[in-house]
Protein backbone atom coordinates (compact mmCIF):
# COMPACT_ATOMS: atom_id res chain seq x y z
CA LYS A 1 77.75 106.30 82.58
CA PHE A 2 80.19 104.92 84.76
CA ALA A 3 77.91 103.35 87.68
CA MET A 4 80.69 105.17 90.04
CA VAL A 5 79.64 105.93 93.32
CA ALA A 6 82.16 107.77 94.62
CA PRO A 7 84.83 108.64 91.87
CA ASP A 8 88.36 110.53 92.04
CA VAL A 9 89.09 111.21 88.67
CA GLN A 10 92.36 112.62 87.44
CA ILE A 11 94.57 113.71 84.37
CA GLU A 12 97.15 111.33 83.69
CA ASP A 13 99.66 114.02 83.09
CA GLY A 14 102.93 113.10 85.45
CA LYS A 15 101.15 116.09 87.95
CA GLY A 16 98.24 114.33 89.71
CA THR A 17 95.63 116.79 88.70
CA ILE A 18 92.64 115.97 89.78
CA LEU A 19 89.69 116.96 88.17
CA ILE A 20 86.69 115.41 90.43
CA SER A 21 87.28 114.43 94.05
CA SER A 22 85.31 112.07 96.32
CA GLU A 23 85.61 114.46 99.23
CA GLU A 24 83.20 116.93 99.25
CA GLY A 25 83.69 120.21 98.32
CA GLU A 26 87.29 119.92 97.36
CA THR A 27 86.80 120.13 93.69
CA GLU A 28 83.43 122.16 93.11
CA ALA A 29 85.32 124.92 91.45
CA ASN A 30 86.02 122.55 88.86
CA ASN A 31 82.25 121.99 87.85
CA HIS A 32 82.12 124.93 85.82
CA ARG A 33 84.84 124.55 83.78
CA LYS A 34 85.49 122.49 80.33
CA LEU A 35 88.27 119.82 80.06
CA SER A 36 89.78 122.15 77.81
CA ASP A 37 90.40 124.25 80.70
CA PHE A 38 92.91 121.64 82.11
CA GLY A 39 94.74 121.14 78.98
CA ILE A 40 92.28 117.72 77.91
CA ARG A 41 92.61 117.37 74.24
CA ASN A 42 92.21 114.75 71.77
CA GLY A 43 94.36 111.73 73.29
CA SER A 44 94.52 112.85 76.89
CA ARG A 45 93.87 110.32 79.33
CA LEU A 46 92.04 110.44 82.90
CA GLN A 47 92.08 108.05 85.61
CA ALA A 48 89.00 107.26 87.48
CA ASP A 49 88.91 105.69 90.68
CA ASP A 50 85.91 104.40 92.77
CA PHE A 51 87.22 103.03 96.29
CA LEU A 52 83.99 101.97 97.63
CA GLN A 53 83.62 99.71 94.58
CA ASP A 54 87.01 98.76 94.24
CA TYR A 55 87.52 99.74 90.47
CA THR A 56 89.66 102.17 88.12
CA LEU A 57 88.87 102.99 84.53
CA LEU A 58 91.40 104.54 82.15
CA ILE A 59 89.63 107.11 79.45
CA ASN A 60 91.01 108.05 76.50
CA VAL A 61 89.69 111.14 75.29
CA LEU A 62 88.96 111.11 71.98
CA HIS A 63 87.50 114.18 69.70
CA SER A 64 85.05 113.54 67.12
CA GLU A 65 82.75 116.10 64.97
CA ASP A 66 80.33 113.39 64.01
CA LEU A 67 78.29 113.02 66.98
CA GLU A 68 74.46 113.71 66.90
CA LYS A 69 72.79 116.53 67.31
CA ASP A 70 72.99 117.66 71.01
CA VAL A 71 75.01 114.82 71.87
CA GLU A 72 78.15 116.04 73.84
CA PHE A 73 79.93 112.76 74.50
CA GLU A 74 79.90 109.05 73.53
CA VAL A 75 81.36 106.63 75.61
CA VAL A 76 82.80 103.59 73.52
CA GLY A 77 84.00 100.66 75.19
CA ASP A 78 82.81 98.29 77.78
CA THR A 79 80.51 99.67 80.41
CA PRO A 80 80.05 98.54 83.80
CA GLU A 81 76.60 96.44 83.10
CA ARG A 82 78.62 94.88 80.61
CA ILE A 83 81.50 93.72 82.55
CA GLY A 84 81.93 90.36 83.90
CA PRO A 85 84.53 88.26 85.65
CA LYS A 86 87.53 87.44 83.40
CA ALA A 87 87.25 84.01 81.27
CA SER A 88 90.10 82.75 83.70
CA GLU A 89 88.29 83.87 86.92
CA PRO A 90 85.35 82.25 88.39
CA ALA A 91 82.08 84.37 88.88
CA SER A 92 82.65 84.61 92.65
CA ARG A 93 85.00 83.25 95.45
CA ASN A 94 84.32 82.64 98.90
CA ILE A 95 86.73 84.99 100.92
CA SER A 96 84.87 85.46 104.47
CA ASN A 97 88.16 86.72 106.00
CA GLY A 98 89.21 89.77 103.50
CA SER A 99 92.01 87.82 101.89
CA ASP A 100 92.66 84.89 99.78
CA ASP A 101 94.85 82.80 101.66
CA GLY A 102 92.59 79.85 101.73
CA ALA A 103 91.84 79.98 105.35
CA GLN A 104 88.37 78.50 105.79
CA PRO A 105 85.41 79.48 108.82
CA SER A 106 85.56 77.23 111.86
CA THR A 107 83.26 74.29 111.48
CA SER A 108 83.66 73.47 115.44
CA THR A 109 80.81 72.03 117.28
CA GLY A 110 81.88 72.46 120.75
CA ASN A 111 79.77 72.73 123.68
CA GLN A 112 78.86 76.75 124.01
CA GLN A 113 77.46 78.07 127.25
């Protein structure tokens, strides 16, 4: 649902409890467990980071009895395919050296041998 490539998900509980790790095998034991096994209830918050894509989501878990039949969960809010640049940011920025310090590429036309 969130188009994450290598997510790390932790409970925002002050303990840093990791539910999903991008490190292979690190949290496989959690795969069969329910969220309630970790003390996650209505109102709990999760933080999901995708280092490879440089984005973070804060997920508010809300319990609902009003889901359609056979629907286990519903994502409400902006999903990645609908998220664009903020109104105050340009759609693209020309950053060629990994920083935003205004450095421009060389335009030298000297003799090259």
